[in-house]
Amino acid sequence: TTATLVADGIRRDAARAASFAADLTAQRMEHGRLVPVEVAPVAAALEAGGQVERIRPRVFALVPAPYEDSDSGALATLLGIDWAGAPAPPYDLVEGRLPQAGETGVVVLGRGVAGKLGVGAEWQVPTTGAPHSLRIVGLLSDVVAVHGANLALTSIEDVRAILAMPASHASEIAIDLKPDSQVAAVADQLVARFGLRVVSR
């Protein structure tokens, strides 16, 4: 039945989301809001501790949805990923492909974001200057990947350009730890040394 298919899809998405999520996510908060965090000092401290398997900076922005018949207030979450070695996002591709490592200027959209736009179309993302052009190379399912409906996936470089964020910074740092690492100890180190907000999986 449709209900069974959706339930199976949600369970599959949840399992894949767990693999896509990091053991720890470090963010900087100021006056109750997220601000960019400098990556290099945090990465150096983590690597010196010997418990880290992978560090994945992520950059995200809320931007106007691209579809032509959207309301003026409709927003999309644009997530910038360093695709080199990143785990596959926990969403089903229904058309096209994901961005490749080192590729910029392309985006994958959730169906809830894309509307009438399809693979090959250009999305002109507003910025404080000239619009930033992203070519749509893939579409995500909006049936089972519930959280992907209003999501757009692109490169970390593209989102930094849209936000005018320095290459040295990220919205958050996803941290994958080695097996048997002391998760609480690593989190405490980040809080004590850098004053970061740390969320565990």
N, C-alpha and C. Protein backbone atom coordinates (compact mmCIF):
# COMPACT_ATOMS: atom_id res chain seq x y z
N THR A 1 0.84 -1.19 0.00
CA THR A 1 0.00 0.00 0.00
C THR A 1 0.87 1.24 0.00
N THR A 2 0.24 2.40 -0.29
CA THR A 2 0.99 3.64 -0.30
C THR A 2 1.58 3.94 1.07
N ALA A 3 0.78 3.69 2.13
CA ALA A 3 1.25 3.95 3.49
C ALA A 3 2.48 3.11 3.82
N THR A 4 2.45 1.84 3.39
CA THR A 4 3.59 0.95 3.65
C THR A 4 4.83 1.42 2.91
N LEU A 5 4.65 1.83 1.65
CA LEU A 5 5.79 2.32 0.87
C LEU A 5 6.41 3.56 1.51
N VAL A 6 5.56 4.48 1.95
CA VAL A 6 6.06 5.69 2.59
C VAL A 6 6.79 5.36 3.89
N ALA A 7 6.18 4.46 4.69
CA ALA A 7 6.81 4.07 5.96
C ALA A 7 8.16 3.41 5.71
N ASP A 8 8.24 2.52 4.72
CA ASP A 8 9.51 1.88 4.39
C ASP A 8 10.52 2.91 3.95
N GLY A 9 10.06 3.87 3.16
CA GLY A 9 10.97 4.91 2.69
C GLY A 9 11.50 5.76 3.82
N ILE A 10 10.63 6.10 4.77
CA ILE A 10 11.06 6.92 5.91
C ILE A 10 12.08 6.16 6.76
N ARG A 11 11.85 4.85 6.96
CA ARG A 11 12.81 4.05 7.73
C ARG A 11 14.15 4.00 6.99
N ARG A 12 14.11 3.84 5.67
CA ARG A 12 15.35 3.81 4.89
C ARG A 12 16.07 5.16 4.97
N ASP A 13 15.30 6.25 4.88
CA ASP A 13 15.89 7.57 5.00
C ASP A 13 16.53 7.76 6.37
N ALA A 14 15.87 7.27 7.41
CA ALA A 14 16.41 7.44 8.76
C ALA A 14 17.74 6.71 8.91
N ALA A 15 17.83 5.51 8.34
CA ALA A 15 19.08 4.75 8.41
C ALA A 15 20.20 5.46 7.66
N ARG A 16 19.88 5.99 6.49
CA ARG A 16 20.90 6.69 5.72
C ARG A 16 21.25 8.04 6.36
N ALA A 17 20.27 8.68 6.99
CA ALA A 17 20.54 9.94 7.67
C ALA A 17 21.54 9.73 8.80
N ALA A 18 21.44 8.59 9.47
CA ALA A 18 22.38 8.31 10.55
C ALA A 18 23.81 8.21 10.04
N SER A 19 23.99 7.63 8.84
CA SER A 19 25.34 7.52 8.28
C SER A 19 25.83 8.86 7.74
N PHE A 20 24.92 9.73 7.30
CA PHE A 20 25.29 11.04 6.77
C PHE A 20 25.59 12.01 7.90
N ALA A 21 24.90 11.85 9.04
CA ALA A 21 25.13 12.72 10.19
C ALA A 21 26.50 12.42 10.79
N ALA A 22 27.06 13.42 11.45
CA ALA A 22 28.37 13.27 12.08
C ALA A 22 28.21 12.82 13.53
N ASP A 23 29.31 12.29 14.09
CA ASP A 23 29.31 11.95 15.51
C ASP A 23 29.12 13.22 16.35
N LEU A 24 29.80 14.29 15.92
CA LEU A 24 29.68 15.58 16.59
C LEU A 24 29.53 16.68 15.54
N THR A 25 28.77 17.69 15.87
CA THR A 25 28.66 18.87 15.02
C THR A 25 28.96 20.09 15.87
N ALA A 26 29.97 20.87 15.45
CA ALA A 26 30.42 22.03 16.22
C ALA A 26 29.96 23.31 15.53
N GLN A 27 29.38 24.21 16.31
CA GLN A 27 28.86 25.47 15.81
C GLN A 27 29.25 26.60 16.75
N ARG A 28 29.29 27.81 16.21
CA ARG A 28 29.53 28.98 17.06
C ARG A 28 28.24 29.78 17.17
N MET A 29 27.87 30.09 18.40
CA MET A 29 26.67 30.86 18.68
C MET A 29 27.06 32.20 19.28
N GLU A 30 26.43 33.26 18.79
CA GLU A 30 26.60 34.60 19.37
C GLU A 30 25.24 35.26 19.45
N HIS A 31 24.87 35.68 20.65
CA HIS A 31 23.59 36.34 20.87
C HIS A 31 22.42 35.50 20.35
N GLY A 32 22.53 34.18 20.55
CA GLY A 32 21.44 33.29 20.20
C GLY A 32 21.33 32.93 18.74
N ARG A 33 22.33 33.28 17.93
CA ARG A 33 22.27 32.94 16.50
C ARG A 33 23.60 32.35 16.05
N LEU A 34 23.52 31.50 15.01
CA LEU A 34 24.72 30.89 14.47
C LEU A 34 25.56 31.92 13.72
N VAL A 35 26.88 31.88 13.93
CA VAL A 35 27.81 32.70 13.16
C VAL A 35 28.89 31.78 12.62
N PRO A 36 29.57 32.18 11.53
CA PRO A 36 30.60 31.31 10.95
C PRO A 36 31.70 30.98 11.96
N VAL A 37 32.21 29.76 11.84
CA VAL A 37 33.30 29.30 12.70
C VAL A 37 34.54 29.08 11.84
N GLU A 38 35.70 29.51 12.33
CA GLU A 38 36.95 29.30 11.61
C GLU A 38 37.35 27.83 11.71
N VAL A 39 37.61 27.22 10.57
CA VAL A 39 37.79 25.76 10.54
C VAL A 39 39.18 25.33 10.97
N ALA A 40 40.24 25.99 10.50
CA ALA A 40 41.61 25.49 10.67
C ALA A 40 42.02 25.27 12.13
N PRO A 41 41.80 26.22 13.04
CA PRO A 41 42.22 25.97 14.43
C PRO A 41 41.49 24.78 15.06
N VAL A 42 40.21 24.65 14.77
CA VAL A 42 39.44 23.53 15.31
C VAL A 42 39.95 22.22 14.72
N ALA A 43 40.18 22.19 13.41
CA ALA A 43 40.67 20.98 12.76
C ALA A 43 42.03 20.58 13.31
N ALA A 44 42.92 21.55 13.51
CA ALA A 44 44.26 21.25 14.01
C ALA A 44 44.20 20.65 15.42
N ALA A 45 43.34 21.20 16.26
CA ALA A 45 43.21 20.68 17.62
C ALA A 45 42.64 19.27 17.62
N LEU A 46 41.66 19.04 16.76
CA LEU A 46 41.05 17.72 16.69
C LEU A 46 42.04 16.68 16.17
N GLU A 47 42.77 17.03 15.13
CA GLU A 47 43.73 16.08 14.56
C GLU A 47 44.86 15.77 15.53
N ALA A 48 45.26 16.76 16.35
CA ALA A 48 46.31 16.53 17.33
C ALA A 48 45.88 15.55 18.39
N GLY A 49 44.57 15.50 18.65
CA GLY A 49 44.06 14.57 19.66
C GLY A 49 44.03 13.13 19.21
N GLY A 50 44.13 12.87 17.91
CA GLY A 50 44.23 11.52 17.39
C GLY A 50 42.95 10.70 17.41
N GLN A 51 41.82 11.33 17.68
CA GLN A 51 40.57 10.56 17.74
C GLN A 51 39.65 10.80 16.54
N VAL A 52 40.08 11.65 15.63
CA VAL A 52 39.21 12.07 14.53
C VAL A 52 39.51 11.29 13.26
N GLU A 53 38.44 10.80 12.64
CA GLU A 53 38.57 10.11 11.36
C GLU A 53 38.40 11.05 10.19
N ARG A 54 37.47 12.00 10.31
CA ARG A 54 37.20 12.92 9.20
C ARG A 54 36.54 14.19 9.73
N ILE A 55 36.93 15.32 9.14
CA ILE A 55 36.35 16.61 9.47
C ILE A 55 35.68 17.15 8.22
N ARG A 56 34.38 17.52 8.34
CA ARG A 56 33.60 17.94 7.17
C ARG A 56 32.96 19.31 7.40
N PRO A 57 33.62 20.38 6.96
CA PRO A 57 32.97 21.69 7.07
C PRO A 57 31.71 21.73 6.21
N ARG A 58 30.67 22.39 6.71
CA ARG A 58 29.42 22.55 5.96
C ARG A 58 29.00 24.02 6.04
N VAL A 59 28.43 24.48 4.94
CA VAL A 59 27.94 25.86 4.89
C VAL A 59 26.51 25.82 4.38
N PHE A 60 25.60 26.54 5.04
CA PHE A 60 24.22 26.53 4.58
C PHE A 60 23.62 27.93 4.66
N ALA A 61 22.58 28.13 3.85
CA ALA A 61 21.91 29.42 3.79
C ALA A 61 20.44 29.21 3.47
N LEU A 62 19.59 30.08 4.00
CA LEU A 62 18.19 30.13 3.61
C LEU A 62 18.06 31.14 2.47
N VAL A 63 17.55 30.68 1.34
CA VAL A 63 17.46 31.53 0.15
C VAL A 63 16.05 31.42 -0.44
N PRO A 64 15.61 32.39 -1.23
CA PRO A 64 14.29 32.29 -1.86
C PRO A 64 14.19 31.06 -2.75
N ALA A 65 13.08 30.34 -2.65
CA ALA A 65 12.88 29.15 -3.48
C ALA A 65 12.89 29.54 -4.96
N PRO A 66 13.40 28.67 -5.83
CA PRO A 66 13.59 29.04 -7.23
C PRO A 66 12.37 28.88 -8.12
N TYR A 67 11.37 28.12 -7.69
CA TYR A 67 10.31 27.79 -8.64
C TYR A 67 9.47 29.02 -8.96
N GLU A 68 8.98 29.06 -10.18
CA GLU A 68 8.38 30.26 -10.75
C GLU A 68 7.10 30.70 -10.05
N ASP A 69 6.32 29.75 -9.53
CA ASP A 69 5.03 30.10 -8.93
C ASP A 69 5.10 30.14 -7.41
N SER A 70 6.31 30.30 -6.86
CA SER A 70 6.45 30.32 -5.41
C SER A 70 5.91 31.62 -4.83
N ASP A 71 5.47 31.55 -3.56
CA ASP A 71 5.12 32.76 -2.85
C ASP A 71 6.39 33.53 -2.55
N SER A 72 6.23 34.82 -2.33
CA SER A 72 7.40 35.66 -2.11
C SER A 72 8.18 35.25 -0.87
N GLY A 73 7.50 34.61 0.11
CA GLY A 73 8.18 34.23 1.33
C GLY A 73 8.71 32.81 1.35
N ALA A 74 8.55 32.05 0.26
CA ALA A 74 8.99 30.65 0.23
C ALA A 74 10.51 30.58 0.25
N LEU A 75 11.05 29.70 1.10
CA LEU A 75 12.49 29.60 1.25
C LEU A 75 12.97 28.18 0.99
N ALA A 76 14.21 28.08 0.56
CA ALA A 76 14.88 26.80 0.41
C ALA A 76 16.13 26.80 1.29
N THR A 77 16.48 25.64 1.81
CA THR A 77 17.73 25.50 2.56
C THR A 77 18.81 25.04 1.59
N LEU A 78 19.77 25.89 1.35
CA LEU A 78 20.87 25.59 0.43
C LEU A 78 22.05 25.11 1.25
N LEU A 79 22.40 23.83 1.08
CA LEU A 79 23.47 23.21 1.87
C LEU A 79 24.69 23.00 0.99
N GLY A 80 25.80 23.58 1.41
CA GLY A 80 27.07 23.42 0.70
C GLY A 80 27.91 22.34 1.34
N ILE A 81 28.34 21.39 0.54
CA ILE A 81 29.09 20.22 1.02
C ILE A 81 30.42 20.14 0.29
N ASP A 82 31.46 19.73 1.02
CA ASP A 82 32.72 19.36 0.38
C ASP A 82 32.55 17.91 -0.09
N TRP A 83 32.30 17.73 -1.39
CA TRP A 83 31.91 16.42 -1.91
C TRP A 83 33.07 15.43 -1.97
N ALA A 84 34.29 15.89 -1.74
CA ALA A 84 35.44 14.97 -1.74
C ALA A 84 35.39 14.10 -0.49
N GLY A 85 35.02 12.87 -0.64
CA GLY A 85 34.98 11.93 0.48
C GLY A 85 33.75 12.03 1.35
N ALA A 86 32.81 12.91 0.99
CA ALA A 86 31.60 13.04 1.81
C ALA A 86 30.70 11.83 1.60
N PRO A 87 30.03 11.36 2.67
CA PRO A 87 29.07 10.26 2.48
C PRO A 87 27.89 10.72 1.65
N ALA A 88 27.24 9.80 0.99
CA ALA A 88 26.08 10.17 0.16
C ALA A 88 24.96 10.70 1.03
N PRO A 89 24.29 11.78 0.61
CA PRO A 89 23.16 12.30 1.38
C PRO A 89 22.04 11.27 1.47
N PRO A 90 21.26 11.31 2.54
CA PRO A 90 20.23 10.28 2.76
C PRO A 90 18.93 10.56 2.03
N TYR A 91 19.01 10.84 0.75
CA TYR A 91 17.82 11.16 -0.04
C TYR A 91 17.87 10.40 -1.36
N ASP A 92 16.70 10.04 -1.87
CA ASP A 92 16.62 9.33 -3.14
C ASP A 92 16.68 10.31 -4.31
N LEU A 93 17.58 10.06 -5.23
CA LEU A 93 17.61 10.80 -6.48
C LEU A 93 16.57 10.20 -7.42
N VAL A 94 15.68 11.03 -7.94
CA VAL A 94 14.69 10.53 -8.88
C VAL A 94 15.06 10.90 -10.32
N GLU A 95 16.01 11.80 -10.46
CA GLU A 95 16.45 12.20 -11.79
C GLU A 95 17.82 12.85 -11.69
N GLY A 96 18.68 12.60 -12.67
CA GLY A 96 19.97 13.26 -12.71
C GLY A 96 21.01 12.61 -11.82
N ARG A 97 21.85 13.44 -11.21
CA ARG A 97 23.00 12.95 -10.45
C ARG A 97 23.32 13.92 -9.33
N LEU A 98 24.24 13.50 -8.46
CA LEU A 98 24.77 14.37 -7.42
C LEU A 98 25.97 15.14 -7.95
N PRO A 99 26.31 16.27 -7.35
CA PRO A 99 27.55 16.95 -7.72
C PRO A 99 28.75 16.06 -7.47
N GLN A 100 29.82 16.29 -8.22
CA GLN A 100 31.04 15.51 -8.08
C GLN A 100 32.07 16.29 -7.29
N ALA A 101 33.07 15.59 -6.76
CA ALA A 101 34.13 16.24 -5.99
C ALA A 101 34.80 17.33 -6.84
N GLY A 102 34.92 18.51 -6.29
CA GLY A 102 35.57 19.62 -6.98
C GLY A 102 34.68 20.38 -7.95
N GLU A 103 33.44 19.92 -8.16
CA GLU A 103 32.54 20.55 -9.12
C GLU A 103 31.79 21.70 -8.45
N THR A 104 31.73 22.83 -9.13
CA THR A 104 31.00 23.99 -8.63
C THR A 104 30.00 24.45 -9.69
N GLY A 105 29.07 25.31 -9.27
CA GLY A 105 28.09 25.87 -10.21
C GLY A 105 26.95 24.94 -10.54
N VAL A 106 26.77 23.85 -9.77
CA VAL A 106 25.68 22.91 -10.00
C VAL A 106 24.94 22.68 -8.68
N VAL A 107 23.69 22.19 -8.78
CA VAL A 107 22.88 22.00 -7.59
C VAL A 107 21.91 20.84 -7.81
N VAL A 108 21.57 20.16 -6.72
CA VAL A 108 20.52 19.14 -6.70
C VAL A 108 19.39 19.68 -5.84
N LEU A 109 18.16 19.62 -6.34
CA LEU A 109 17.02 20.20 -5.65
C LEU A 109 16.03 19.14 -5.18
N GLY A 110 15.43 19.37 -4.01
CA GLY A 110 14.26 18.61 -3.62
C GLY A 110 13.10 19.01 -4.49
N ARG A 111 12.18 18.08 -4.74
CA ARG A 111 11.04 18.38 -5.61
C ARG A 111 10.22 19.55 -5.08
N GLY A 112 10.16 19.69 -3.73
CA GLY A 112 9.41 20.79 -3.16
C GLY A 112 10.02 22.14 -3.48
N VAL A 113 11.31 22.16 -3.77
CA VAL A 113 11.99 23.40 -4.16
C VAL A 113 11.91 23.62 -5.66
N ALA A 114 12.06 22.55 -6.42
CA ALA A 114 12.22 22.68 -7.87
C ALA A 114 10.95 23.17 -8.57
N GLY A 115 9.77 22.73 -8.09
CA GLY A 115 8.54 23.10 -8.79
C GLY A 115 8.58 22.65 -10.24
N LYS A 116 8.41 23.59 -11.16
CA LYS A 116 8.40 23.28 -12.58
C LYS A 116 9.80 23.19 -13.18
N LEU A 117 10.80 23.59 -12.42
CA LEU A 117 12.15 23.54 -12.95
C LEU A 117 12.66 22.10 -12.97
N GLY A 118 13.42 21.77 -13.99
CA GLY A 118 13.93 20.41 -14.13
C GLY A 118 15.42 20.40 -14.34
N VAL A 119 15.97 19.21 -14.54
CA VAL A 119 17.41 19.05 -14.77
C VAL A 119 17.81 19.84 -16.01
N GLY A 120 18.89 20.57 -15.88
CA GLY A 120 19.39 21.41 -16.98
C GLY A 120 19.02 22.87 -16.86
N ALA A 121 18.00 23.18 -16.03
CA ALA A 121 17.59 24.57 -15.86
C ALA A 121 18.60 25.32 -14.99
N GLU A 122 18.60 26.64 -15.08
CA GLU A 122 19.48 27.47 -14.29
C GLU A 122 18.69 28.12 -13.15
N TRP A 123 19.27 28.12 -11.96
CA TRP A 123 18.68 28.78 -10.80
C TRP A 123 19.53 29.99 -10.48
N GLN A 124 18.94 31.17 -10.53
CA GLN A 124 19.65 32.39 -10.22
C GLN A 124 19.39 32.73 -8.74
N VAL A 125 20.38 32.44 -7.91
CA VAL A 125 20.23 32.63 -6.47
C VAL A 125 20.58 34.08 -6.12
N PRO A 126 19.66 34.81 -5.47
CA PRO A 126 19.95 36.20 -5.12
C PRO A 126 21.10 36.31 -4.12
N THR A 127 21.93 37.32 -4.29
CA THR A 127 22.99 37.65 -3.33
C THR A 127 22.96 39.15 -3.11
N THR A 128 23.88 39.65 -2.31
CA THR A 128 23.96 41.10 -2.11
C THR A 128 24.48 41.81 -3.35
N GLY A 129 25.07 41.06 -4.28
CA GLY A 129 25.52 41.61 -5.54
C GLY A 129 24.78 40.97 -6.70
N ALA A 130 25.52 40.53 -7.71
CA ALA A 130 24.90 39.86 -8.86
C ALA A 130 24.40 38.48 -8.45
N PRO A 131 23.30 38.00 -9.06
CA PRO A 131 22.80 36.65 -8.74
C PRO A 131 23.86 35.59 -9.01
N HIS A 132 23.82 34.53 -8.21
CA HIS A 132 24.75 33.42 -8.36
C HIS A 132 24.04 32.31 -9.11
N SER A 133 24.58 31.91 -10.25
CA SER A 133 23.92 30.93 -11.11
C SER A 133 24.32 29.51 -10.74
N LEU A 134 23.30 28.65 -10.57
CA LEU A 134 23.51 27.23 -10.31
C LEU A 134 22.70 26.42 -11.33
N ARG A 135 23.36 25.48 -11.99
CA ARG A 135 22.67 24.62 -12.95
C ARG A 135 22.15 23.38 -12.25
N ILE A 136 20.88 23.07 -12.45
CA ILE A 136 20.25 21.92 -11.79
C ILE A 136 20.71 20.63 -12.48
N VAL A 137 21.34 19.73 -11.70
CA VAL A 137 21.82 18.47 -12.28
C VAL A 137 21.08 17.26 -11.72
N GLY A 138 20.24 17.46 -10.70
CA GLY A 138 19.53 16.33 -10.14
C GLY A 138 18.33 16.77 -9.32
N LEU A 139 17.38 15.85 -9.13
CA LEU A 139 16.18 16.10 -8.33
C LEU A 139 16.04 15.02 -7.27
N LEU A 140 15.67 15.43 -6.05
CA LEU A 140 15.47 14.50 -4.94
C LEU A 140 14.00 14.17 -4.80
N SER A 141 13.71 12.97 -4.36
CA SER A 141 12.34 12.55 -4.13
C SER A 141 11.70 13.39 -3.03
N ASP A 142 10.42 13.72 -3.20
CA ASP A 142 9.68 14.42 -2.15
C ASP A 142 8.64 13.50 -1.51
N VAL A 143 8.72 12.20 -1.81
CA VAL A 143 7.75 11.25 -1.27
C VAL A 143 8.29 10.60 0.00
N VAL A 144 9.45 9.97 -0.13
CA VAL A 144 9.99 9.29 1.04
C VAL A 144 11.01 10.14 1.77
N ALA A 145 11.74 10.99 1.05
CA ALA A 145 12.75 11.84 1.69
C ALA A 145 12.06 13.11 2.17
N VAL A 146 11.33 12.99 3.26
CA VAL A 146 10.49 14.09 3.74
C VAL A 146 11.32 15.34 3.98
N HIS A 147 12.48 15.17 4.62
CA HIS A 147 13.29 16.33 4.98
C HIS A 147 14.03 16.91 3.77
N GLY A 148 14.00 16.22 2.64
CA GLY A 148 14.67 16.73 1.45
C GLY A 148 13.79 17.58 0.57
N ALA A 149 12.52 17.75 0.93
CA ALA A 149 11.59 18.43 0.05
C ALA A 149 11.99 19.85 -0.26
N ASN A 150 12.47 20.59 0.74
CA ASN A 150 12.85 21.98 0.53
C ASN A 150 14.36 22.18 0.64
N LEU A 151 15.09 21.15 0.28
CA LEU A 151 16.54 21.17 0.39
C LEU A 151 17.18 21.31 -0.98
N ALA A 152 18.29 22.02 -1.02
CA ALA A 152 19.11 22.13 -2.23
C ALA A 152 20.55 21.83 -1.84
N LEU A 153 21.20 20.94 -2.59
CA LEU A 153 22.57 20.52 -2.30
C LEU A 153 23.51 21.04 -3.37
N THR A 154 24.59 21.70 -2.95
CA THR A 154 25.56 22.22 -3.89
C THR A 154 26.94 22.14 -3.24
N SER A 155 27.92 22.79 -3.83
CA SER A 155 29.28 22.76 -3.27
C SER A 155 29.42 23.78 -2.15
N ILE A 156 30.35 23.52 -1.25
CA ILE A 156 30.61 24.46 -0.17
C ILE A 156 31.12 25.78 -0.72
N GLU A 157 31.86 25.73 -1.84
CA GLU A 157 32.37 26.96 -2.46
C GLU A 157 31.25 27.85 -2.95
N ASP A 158 30.20 27.24 -3.53
CA ASP A 158 29.09 28.02 -4.05
C ASP A 158 28.34 28.74 -2.93
N VAL A 159 28.09 28.06 -1.83
CA VAL A 159 27.35 28.70 -0.76
C VAL A 159 28.20 29.78 -0.08
N ARG A 160 29.49 29.53 0.04
CA ARG A 160 30.36 30.58 0.58
C ARG A 160 30.31 31.82 -0.31
N ALA A 161 30.30 31.63 -1.62
CA ALA A 161 30.22 32.77 -2.53
C ALA A 161 28.91 33.51 -2.37
N ILE A 162 27.81 32.80 -2.22
CA ILE A 162 26.49 33.42 -2.06
C ILE A 162 26.44 34.24 -0.77
N LEU A 163 27.06 33.72 0.29
CA LEU A 163 27.04 34.40 1.59
C LEU A 163 28.18 35.40 1.75
N ALA A 164 29.10 35.44 0.80
CA ALA A 164 30.33 36.24 0.93
C ALA A 164 31.09 35.82 2.20
N MET A 165 31.14 34.51 2.43
CA MET A 165 31.82 33.95 3.59
C MET A 165 33.26 33.60 3.21
N PRO A 166 34.24 33.93 4.04
CA PRO A 166 35.63 33.56 3.72
C PRO A 166 35.81 32.05 3.60
N ALA A 167 36.76 31.65 2.77
CA ALA A 167 37.02 30.22 2.58
C ALA A 167 37.53 29.56 3.84
N SER A 168 37.99 30.33 4.80
CA SER A 168 38.51 29.79 6.05
C SER A 168 37.43 29.42 7.05
N HIS A 169 36.16 29.78 6.75
CA HIS A 169 35.08 29.61 7.70
C HIS A 169 33.99 28.67 7.18
N ALA A 170 33.16 28.21 8.08
CA ALA A 170 32.01 27.36 7.72
C ALA A 170 30.87 27.66 8.68
N SER A 171 29.66 27.27 8.29
CA SER A 171 28.50 27.42 9.17
C SER A 171 28.61 26.47 10.36
N GLU A 172 29.16 25.28 10.13
CA GLU A 172 29.35 24.30 11.18
C GLU A 172 30.42 23.30 10.73
N ILE A 173 30.93 22.55 11.68
CA ILE A 173 31.95 21.54 11.38
C ILE A 173 31.42 20.19 11.82
N ALA A 174 31.24 19.30 10.85
CA ALA A 174 30.81 17.93 11.14
C ALA A 174 32.06 17.09 11.41
N ILE A 175 32.02 16.32 12.48
CA ILE A 175 33.21 15.58 12.94
C ILE A 175 32.87 14.10 13.05
N ASP A 176 33.58 13.28 12.28
CA ASP A 176 33.46 11.82 12.37
C ASP A 176 34.62 11.30 13.21
N LEU A 177 34.34 10.57 14.26
CA LEU A 177 35.35 10.06 15.17
C LEU A 177 35.74 8.62 14.85
N LYS A 178 36.93 8.26 15.25
CA LYS A 178 37.37 6.88 15.10
C LYS A 178 36.60 5.98 16.07
N PRO A 179 36.49 4.69 15.73
CA PRO A 179 35.81 3.78 16.66
C PRO A 179 36.45 3.82 18.04
N ASP A 180 35.62 3.72 19.06
CA ASP A 180 36.07 3.70 20.46
C ASP A 180 36.63 5.04 20.94
N SER A 181 36.40 6.11 20.18
CA SER A 181 36.83 7.43 20.64
C SER A 181 35.95 7.89 21.81
N GLN A 182 36.49 8.78 22.61
CA GLN A 182 35.77 9.33 23.75
C GLN A 182 34.98 10.55 23.28
N VAL A 183 33.73 10.32 22.89
CA VAL A 183 32.92 11.38 22.29
C VAL A 183 32.76 12.56 23.24
N ALA A 184 32.43 12.27 24.49
CA ALA A 184 32.20 13.35 25.46
C ALA A 184 33.46 14.16 25.70
N ALA A 185 34.62 13.49 25.72
CA ALA A 185 35.89 14.19 25.96
C ALA A 185 36.22 15.13 24.80
N VAL A 186 35.97 14.67 23.57
CA VAL A 186 36.23 15.52 22.41
C VAL A 186 35.29 16.72 22.43
N ALA A 187 34.02 16.50 22.73
CA ALA A 187 33.05 17.59 22.80
C ALA A 187 33.44 18.59 23.88
N ASP A 188 33.86 18.10 25.05
CA ASP A 188 34.26 19.00 26.13
C ASP A 188 35.47 19.85 25.73
N GLN A 189 36.39 19.25 24.98
CA GLN A 189 37.56 19.99 24.52
C GLN A 189 37.16 21.16 23.62
N LEU A 190 36.22 20.91 22.71
CA LEU A 190 35.78 21.95 21.79
C LEU A 190 35.06 23.09 22.53
N VAL A 191 34.29 22.73 23.53
CA VAL A 191 33.59 23.75 24.33
C VAL A 191 34.58 24.57 25.13
N ALA A 192 35.51 23.89 25.81
CA ALA A 192 36.44 24.58 26.70
C ALA A 192 37.45 25.44 25.93
N ARG A 193 37.97 24.90 24.82
CA ARG A 193 39.04 25.61 24.11
C ARG A 193 38.53 26.68 23.15
N PHE A 194 37.37 26.40 22.51
CA PHE A 194 36.91 27.30 21.47
C PHE A 194 35.56 27.94 21.76
N GLY A 195 34.91 27.53 22.84
CA GLY A 195 33.61 28.10 23.17
C GLY A 195 32.52 27.74 22.19
N LEU A 196 32.63 26.57 21.56
CA LEU A 196 31.68 26.15 20.55
C LEU A 196 30.48 25.45 21.17
N ARG A 197 29.39 25.48 20.45
CA ARG A 197 28.23 24.65 20.78
C ARG A 197 28.43 23.32 20.06
N VAL A 198 28.34 22.21 20.78
CA VAL A 198 28.63 20.90 20.22
C VAL A 198 27.40 20.01 20.37
N VAL A 199 26.94 19.44 19.26
CA VAL A 199 25.78 18.54 19.26
C VAL A 199 26.25 17.15 18.86
N SER A 200 25.86 16.15 19.64
CA SER A 200 26.24 14.76 19.32
C SER A 200 25.11 14.08 18.58
N ARG A 201 25.47 13.04 17.81
CA ARG A 201 24.48 12.30 17.03
C ARG A 201 23.52 11.57 17.95
